[in-house]
Amino acid sequence: MKKKYTDFICEKIRVVPEGIPIYTRQLAEKIAVAYQLSKREASAATAVAVKRVMDKGVMPELRCYQKGVYYRTAATPFGEIGINKEQLIADKYLLPDIGYETGLTVLYKIGLTSQMPRERILATNVAKGCMRTDRKLDVIIRPPKTIITAKNKDYLQVLDMLELVEKAPIDEKHPFEVLADYIQKKELQYIILLALADRYYNYRTLLCLAHTANKGELSI
């Protein structure tokens, strides 16, 4: 005899660590497979089961972040554990290979500037046509120069840095050497950087790429 939908849902939720987002769409996918339901039937069954769990206090640690998104909490000396917003950001804008971090934050992380940026910018396929702010997650999203894929993601991120390097408050004395070292560590190929820069970026970016290539032994 198969478990009730509510028992099945609770079983799946309990294995998720505290703070990690739990999406009802993913629970519905699991129910659809386990009970051989259509997508519509699984969504309805999941909605009813989760509501029952919440209304009856079956799992007192379960919290609703927003419609379709839940998480498990736990008490700590500093209060309840909240939802992991970094995971929310990744799930919504970065994974799987649909986005990357860009802007001054990346330059700060690799040591080109010591100024902590006030804004966090993500280039993502989710952004359609214009830059906008997600106030709930406190990030700015913008469209990429071209559709982001697993193959071009790191290349586009580097080219974004090169596009920004002459406008940013750089205090590293040898920025192109730092960039060349970063490119080598990522094992990126100069010829691909050049092709993407020529197609999607301006002349200044191409020039910065040339300076960077001159400072490091980039793979052709």
Protein backbone atom coordinates (compact mmCIF):
# COMPACT_ATOMS: atom_id res chain seq x y z
CA MET A 1 0.00 0.00 0.00
CA LYS A 2 1.41 3.35 -1.03
CA LYS A 3 1.91 6.17 1.44
CA LYS A 4 -0.59 9.02 1.60
CA TYR A 5 0.48 12.10 -0.33
CA THR A 6 0.99 13.99 2.95
CA ASP A 7 3.29 11.29 4.33
CA PHE A 8 5.20 11.18 1.06
CA ILE A 9 5.66 14.97 1.07
CA CYS A 10 6.84 14.96 4.69
CA GLU A 11 9.34 12.22 3.93
CA LYS A 12 10.85 14.27 1.08
CA ILE A 13 10.90 17.51 3.07
CA ARG A 14 12.60 16.00 6.13
CA VAL A 15 15.74 15.11 4.18
CA VAL A 16 16.27 18.70 3.03
CA PRO A 17 18.72 20.58 5.30
CA GLU A 18 17.46 23.58 7.26
CA GLY A 19 17.37 26.78 5.27
CA ILE A 20 17.57 25.16 1.84
CA PRO A 21 14.67 26.19 -0.43
CA ILE A 22 11.99 23.55 -1.05
CA TYR A 23 10.01 24.07 -4.25
CA THR A 24 6.52 22.66 -4.62
CA ARG A 25 7.13 22.14 -8.34
CA GLN A 26 9.95 19.72 -7.49
CA LEU A 27 7.80 17.93 -4.93
CA ALA A 28 5.08 17.62 -7.59
CA GLU A 29 7.58 16.05 -9.97
CA LYS A 30 8.45 13.43 -7.35
CA ILE A 31 4.78 12.69 -6.65
CA ALA A 32 4.07 12.38 -10.37
CA VAL A 33 6.73 9.69 -10.71
CA ALA A 34 5.91 7.83 -7.49
CA TYR A 35 2.14 7.74 -8.05
CA GLN A 36 2.06 7.82 -11.86
CA LEU A 37 0.08 11.05 -11.98
CA SER A 38 -0.21 13.64 -14.72
CA LYS A 39 1.54 16.96 -14.17
CA ARG A 40 -1.76 18.63 -13.35
CA GLU A 41 -2.83 15.90 -10.93
CA ALA A 42 0.57 15.94 -9.22
CA SER A 43 0.50 19.73 -8.79
CA ALA A 44 -2.97 19.59 -7.25
CA ALA A 45 -2.03 16.71 -4.94
CA THR A 46 1.11 18.54 -3.82
CA ALA A 47 -0.74 21.78 -3.12
CA VAL A 48 -3.33 19.98 -0.99
CA ALA A 49 -0.71 17.93 0.87
CA VAL A 50 1.54 20.92 1.66
CA LYS A 51 -1.46 22.97 2.84
CA ARG A 52 -2.48 20.12 5.12
CA VAL A 53 1.03 19.87 6.54
CA MET A 54 1.07 23.61 7.26
CA ASP A 55 -2.50 23.93 8.59
CA LYS A 56 -2.29 20.93 10.90
CA GLY A 57 1.23 21.66 12.12
CA VAL A 58 2.46 18.24 11.00
CA MET A 59 5.95 19.72 10.59
CA PRO A 60 6.28 22.66 13.01
CA GLU A 61 9.67 23.55 11.54
CA LEU A 62 8.27 24.14 8.02
CA ARG A 63 7.99 27.77 6.89
CA CYS A 64 6.53 29.39 3.78
CA TYR A 65 8.87 31.91 2.12
CA GLN A 66 6.50 32.73 -0.73
CA LYS A 67 4.01 30.89 -2.90
CA GLY A 68 5.58 27.62 -4.03
CA VAL A 69 8.73 28.06 -1.91
CA TYR A 70 9.20 26.62 1.58
CA TYR A 71 12.06 25.81 3.93
CA ARG A 72 12.76 24.04 7.20
CA THR A 73 13.93 26.14 10.12
CA ALA A 74 15.55 25.43 13.48
CA ALA A 75 16.10 27.46 16.63
CA THR A 76 19.57 28.86 17.31
CA PRO A 77 20.94 31.22 20.02
CA PHE A 78 20.54 34.00 17.42
CA GLY A 79 16.97 33.17 16.42
CA GLU A 80 15.43 30.97 13.77
CA ILE A 81 17.39 29.83 10.73
CA GLY A 82 16.06 31.67 7.69
CA ILE A 83 15.96 30.60 4.09
CA ASN A 84 19.28 30.44 2.25
CA LYS A 85 19.06 33.44 -0.10
CA GLU A 86 22.26 32.53 -1.91
CA GLN A 87 20.62 29.27 -2.94
CA LEU A 88 17.48 31.14 -4.00
CA ILE A 89 19.59 33.46 -6.15
CA ALA A 90 21.45 30.54 -7.70
CA ASP A 91 18.27 28.58 -8.38
CA LYS A 92 16.50 31.56 -9.92
CA TYR A 93 19.24 33.24 -11.93
CA LEU A 94 22.39 31.11 -12.20
CA LEU A 95 21.64 27.39 -12.37
CA PRO A 96 22.11 25.34 -14.42
CA ASP A 97 24.54 27.48 -16.44
CA ILE A 98 22.07 30.28 -17.18
CA GLY A 99 23.93 33.10 -15.47
CA TYR A 100 27.06 34.40 -13.77
CA GLU A 101 28.10 37.20 -11.44
CA THR A 102 29.43 40.33 -13.09
CA GLY A 103 30.18 43.97 -12.30
CA LEU A 104 32.45 45.41 -9.61
CA THR A 105 31.83 42.51 -7.25
CA VAL A 106 33.85 40.19 -9.49
CA LEU A 107 36.69 42.71 -9.79
CA TYR A 108 36.71 42.96 -5.99
CA LYS A 109 36.81 39.18 -5.59
CA ILE A 110 39.86 38.76 -7.81
CA GLY A 111 41.68 41.67 -6.18
CA LEU A 112 41.51 44.40 -8.81
CA THR A 113 39.74 46.86 -6.53
CA SER A 114 39.63 47.21 -2.77
CA GLN A 115 36.31 49.03 -2.81
CA MET A 116 33.40 46.87 -1.68
CA PRO A 117 30.62 47.37 -4.25
CA ARG A 118 27.19 48.42 -3.01
CA GLU A 119 25.44 46.56 -5.83
CA ARG A 120 25.54 42.93 -6.85
CA ILE A 121 24.95 42.36 -10.56
CA LEU A 122 24.13 39.10 -12.31
CA ALA A 123 24.13 38.51 -16.05
CA THR A 124 21.40 35.94 -16.66
CA ASN A 125 19.27 34.49 -19.43
CA VAL A 126 16.28 35.15 -17.17
CA ALA A 127 16.63 38.91 -17.73
CA LYS A 128 14.64 39.84 -20.80
CA GLY A 129 15.60 43.01 -22.60
CA CYS A 130 16.61 45.31 -19.75
CA MET A 131 18.37 45.62 -16.42
CA ARG A 132 16.17 45.45 -13.32
CA THR A 133 16.42 45.05 -9.57
CA ASP A 134 15.14 42.06 -7.63
CA ARG A 135 14.52 43.87 -4.35
CA LYS A 136 13.56 40.75 -2.44
CA LEU A 137 16.89 39.06 -3.18
CA ASP A 138 18.84 42.34 -3.33
CA VAL A 139 20.47 41.74 -6.71
CA ILE A 140 20.44 43.51 -10.06
CA ILE A 141 19.95 41.32 -13.10
CA ARG A 142 20.82 42.22 -16.66
CA PRO A 143 20.71 40.45 -20.03
CA PRO A 144 24.01 38.91 -21.19
CA LYS A 145 25.71 39.88 -24.45
CA THR A 146 24.57 36.55 -25.86
CA ILE A 147 22.75 33.49 -24.51
CA ILE A 148 24.76 32.01 -21.64
CA THR A 149 25.73 28.35 -21.86
CA ALA A 150 27.98 26.02 -19.90
CA LYS A 151 30.65 26.49 -22.59
CA ASN A 152 30.71 30.29 -22.81
CA LYS A 153 29.84 31.33 -19.24
CA ASP A 154 33.42 31.76 -17.97
CA TYR A 155 34.49 33.48 -21.19
CA LEU A 156 31.70 36.04 -21.00
CA GLN A 157 32.46 36.75 -17.35
CA VAL A 158 36.10 37.50 -18.20
CA LEU A 159 35.12 39.72 -21.12
CA ASP A 160 32.72 41.62 -18.86
CA MET A 161 35.66 42.25 -16.52
CA LEU A 162 37.79 43.49 -19.40
CA GLU A 163 34.97 45.76 -20.55
CA LEU A 164 34.77 47.27 -17.07
CA VAL A 165 38.43 47.43 -16.10
CA GLU A 166 39.12 50.91 -17.52
CA LYS A 167 35.97 52.42 -15.98
CA ALA A 168 36.26 50.86 -12.53
CA PRO A 169 38.18 52.22 -9.50
CA ILE A 170 41.13 49.85 -10.00
CA ASP A 171 43.88 50.10 -7.40
CA GLU A 172 45.87 47.02 -8.41
CA LYS A 173 49.08 48.25 -10.09
CA HIS A 174 49.18 45.43 -12.64
CA PRO A 175 45.53 44.64 -13.48
CA PHE A 176 46.22 42.89 -16.76
CA GLU A 177 48.66 40.50 -15.09
CA VAL A 178 45.99 39.62 -12.51
CA LEU A 179 43.48 39.04 -15.30
CA ALA A 180 45.97 36.95 -17.27
CA ASP A 181 46.60 34.81 -14.19
CA TYR A 182 42.86 34.40 -13.67
CA ILE A 183 42.38 33.32 -17.29
CA GLN A 184 45.19 30.78 -17.00
CA LYS A 185 43.72 29.32 -13.81
CA LYS A 186 40.37 28.94 -15.56
CA GLU A 187 42.18 27.32 -18.53
CA LEU A 188 40.41 29.56 -21.02
CA GLN A 189 41.52 29.77 -24.64
CA TYR A 190 42.57 33.12 -26.06
CA ILE A 191 41.14 32.35 -29.48
CA ILE A 192 37.66 31.86 -28.02
CA LEU A 193 37.95 35.03 -25.94
CA LEU A 194 38.98 36.89 -29.08
CA ALA A 195 36.11 35.51 -31.16
CA LEU A 196 33.51 36.41 -28.52
CA ALA A 197 35.03 39.83 -27.91
CA ASP A 198 35.05 40.61 -31.62
CA ARG A 199 31.41 39.61 -32.00
CA TYR A 200 29.78 40.98 -28.85
CA TYR A 201 32.08 43.59 -27.25
CA ASN A 202 33.54 46.96 -28.23
CA TYR A 203 36.99 47.97 -29.45
CA ARG A 204 38.18 48.98 -25.97
CA THR A 205 37.44 45.48 -24.69
CA LEU A 206 39.42 43.97 -27.55
CA LEU A 207 42.33 46.27 -26.70
CA CYS A 208 42.19 45.26 -23.02
CA LEU A 209 42.16 41.63 -24.09
CA ALA A 210 45.30 42.26 -26.16
CA HIS A 211 47.02 43.85 -23.13
CA THR A 212 46.02 40.86 -21.02
CA ALA A 213 47.28 38.37 -23.61
CA ASN A 214 50.58 40.23 -23.64
CA LYS A 215 50.97 39.72 -19.87
CA GLY A 216 50.24 36.01 -19.74
CA GLU A 217 50.83 32.83 -21.68
CA LEU A 218 47.23 32.26 -22.70
CA SER A 219 46.27 29.00 -24.34
CA ILE A 220 45.45 29.25 -28.03
